[in-house]
Amino acid sequence: QVQFVESGGGLVQPGGSLRLSCAASGSIFRFYAVGWYRQAAGKQRELVASITSGGRTNYADSVKDRFTISRDNAKNTVYLQMNSLKPDDTAVYYCNVPPPLEVWGQGTLVTVSS
């Protein structure tokens, strides 16, 4: 079963950028769609971006034109490029297979603050 390790989070000022990485296990990775989820304090976990096995992408309205999801199947890795970050983007970010599997990584914390 696929497993995920997220990295790349940190503290960034409003308007700044970060690139998150999701390393997935298994040779079957390239056959799955993958999504980035986030959970802010006191809020439910939400899907913010997804990419199909063929590279088609979808985004939540809140991140459209600011975030870009991509994948490198040769490296078993999915990326989330985040630009023009806002304080409301502060959350723990996770990757998973939609609809999300019961197995989750530890996530990576993104904090947007001046």
Protein backbone atom coordinates (compact mmCIF):
# COMPACT_ATOMS: atom_id res chain seq x y z
CA GLN A 1 0.00 0.00 0.00
CA VAL A 2 1.28 3.47 -0.86
CA GLN A 3 2.82 5.57 1.92
CA PHE A 4 3.68 9.27 1.95
CA VAL A 5 6.41 11.50 3.39
CA GLU A 6 5.78 15.26 3.19
CA SER A 7 8.49 17.90 3.42
CA GLY A 8 9.27 21.52 2.53
CA GLY A 9 7.13 23.41 5.01
CA GLY A 10 8.34 26.28 7.13
CA LEU A 11 7.82 29.89 8.12
CA VAL A 12 7.31 32.39 5.31
CA GLN A 13 6.15 36.00 5.13
CA PRO A 14 2.89 36.95 3.40
CA GLY A 15 3.49 37.13 -0.33
CA GLY A 16 6.31 34.62 -0.14
CA SER A 17 6.66 31.18 -1.70
CA LEU A 18 7.31 27.60 -0.67
CA ARG A 19 7.55 24.31 -2.52
CA LEU A 20 6.28 21.20 -0.78
CA SER A 21 7.32 17.68 -1.72
CA CYS A 22 5.49 14.39 -1.24
CA ALA A 23 7.56 11.26 -1.59
CA ALA A 24 5.44 8.16 -2.14
CA SER A 25 6.37 4.52 -1.88
CA GLY A 26 5.68 1.70 -4.28
CA SER A 27 5.93 1.08 -7.98
CA ILE A 28 2.15 1.55 -8.40
CA PHE A 29 2.38 5.26 -7.57
CA ARG A 30 2.16 6.34 -11.19
CA PHE A 31 -1.27 4.73 -11.57
CA TYR A 32 -2.91 6.89 -8.88
CA ALA A 33 -4.25 10.38 -8.70
CA VAL A 34 -2.69 12.31 -5.80
CA GLY A 35 -4.03 15.20 -3.78
CA TRP A 36 -2.64 17.78 -1.41
CA TYR A 37 -4.77 18.35 1.67
CA ARG A 38 -4.41 20.86 4.47
CA GLN A 39 -5.78 21.25 7.95
CA ALA A 40 -5.72 24.57 9.75
CA ALA A 41 -6.17 24.89 13.49
CA GLY A 42 -9.79 24.41 14.43
CA LYS A 43 -10.85 23.51 10.90
CA GLN A 44 -11.56 20.34 8.95
CA ARG A 45 -9.04 18.87 6.57
CA GLU A 46 -9.68 20.02 3.01
CA LEU A 47 -8.46 19.09 -0.45
CA VAL A 48 -6.61 22.00 -2.04
CA ALA A 49 -5.14 20.47 -5.21
CA SER A 50 -5.07 17.17 -7.08
CA ILE A 51 -3.36 15.66 -10.09
CA THR A 52 -4.39 12.59 -12.06
CA SER A 53 -2.11 9.86 -13.30
CA GLY A 54 -2.22 11.60 -16.67
CA GLY A 55 -1.30 15.00 -15.25
CA ARG A 56 -4.68 16.73 -15.20
CA THR A 57 -4.95 19.15 -12.28
CA ASN A 58 -7.70 20.63 -10.14
CA TYR A 59 -7.57 23.30 -7.45
CA ALA A 60 -9.74 24.64 -4.70
CA ASP A 61 -11.00 28.13 -5.44
CA SER A 62 -9.03 29.50 -2.51
CA VAL A 63 -5.68 28.56 -4.08
CA LYS A 64 -6.33 28.88 -7.82
CA ASP A 65 -3.73 30.99 -9.64
CA ARG A 66 -1.42 30.80 -6.63
CA PHE A 67 -0.63 27.08 -6.18
CA THR A 68 0.63 24.59 -8.76
CA ILE A 69 0.62 20.83 -8.30
CA SER A 70 2.94 18.65 -10.35
CA ARG A 71 4.38 15.16 -10.28
CA ASP A 72 7.52 13.33 -11.28
CA ASN A 73 6.62 9.67 -11.54
CA ALA A 74 10.25 8.66 -12.09
CA LYS A 75 10.99 10.03 -8.62
CA ASN A 76 7.70 8.90 -7.04
CA THR A 77 7.21 12.50 -5.96
CA VAL A 78 4.40 15.07 -6.09
CA TYR A 79 5.08 18.77 -5.58
CA LEU A 80 3.02 21.76 -4.53
CA GLN A 81 4.45 25.12 -5.53
CA MET A 82 2.82 27.80 -3.38
CA ASN A 83 3.15 31.45 -4.37
CA SER A 84 1.64 34.65 -3.02
CA LEU A 85 1.08 32.98 0.31
CA LYS A 86 -1.48 34.40 2.72
CA PRO A 87 -1.89 33.97 6.47
CA ASP A 88 -5.01 31.88 5.76
CA ASP A 89 -2.77 29.33 4.05
CA THR A 90 -1.28 28.45 7.43
CA ALA A 91 -1.94 24.76 8.00
CA VAL A 92 -0.43 21.31 8.12
CA TYR A 93 -0.22 20.01 4.57
CA TYR A 94 -0.63 16.34 3.68
CA CYS A 95 -0.66 14.30 0.50
CA ASN A 96 -2.88 11.30 -0.13
CA VAL A 97 -4.86 9.43 -2.78
CA PRO A 98 -8.39 10.79 -3.28
CA PRO A 99 -10.71 9.78 -1.81
CA PRO A 100 -8.18 9.79 1.00
CA LEU A 101 -6.88 6.46 2.18
CA GLU A 102 -6.83 5.69 5.87
CA VAL A 103 -3.04 5.91 5.88
CA TRP A 104 -1.61 9.44 6.27
CA GLY A 105 1.89 10.81 6.55
CA GLN A 106 2.93 13.15 9.34
CA GLY A 107 2.36 16.23 7.18
CA THR A 108 4.47 19.36 6.91
CA LEU A 109 3.63 22.63 8.67
CA VAL A 110 3.32 25.83 6.67
CA THR A 111 3.17 29.05 8.68
CA VAL A 112 2.54 32.33 6.87
CA SER A 113 3.19 35.27 9.17
CA SER A 114 5.09 38.52 9.32
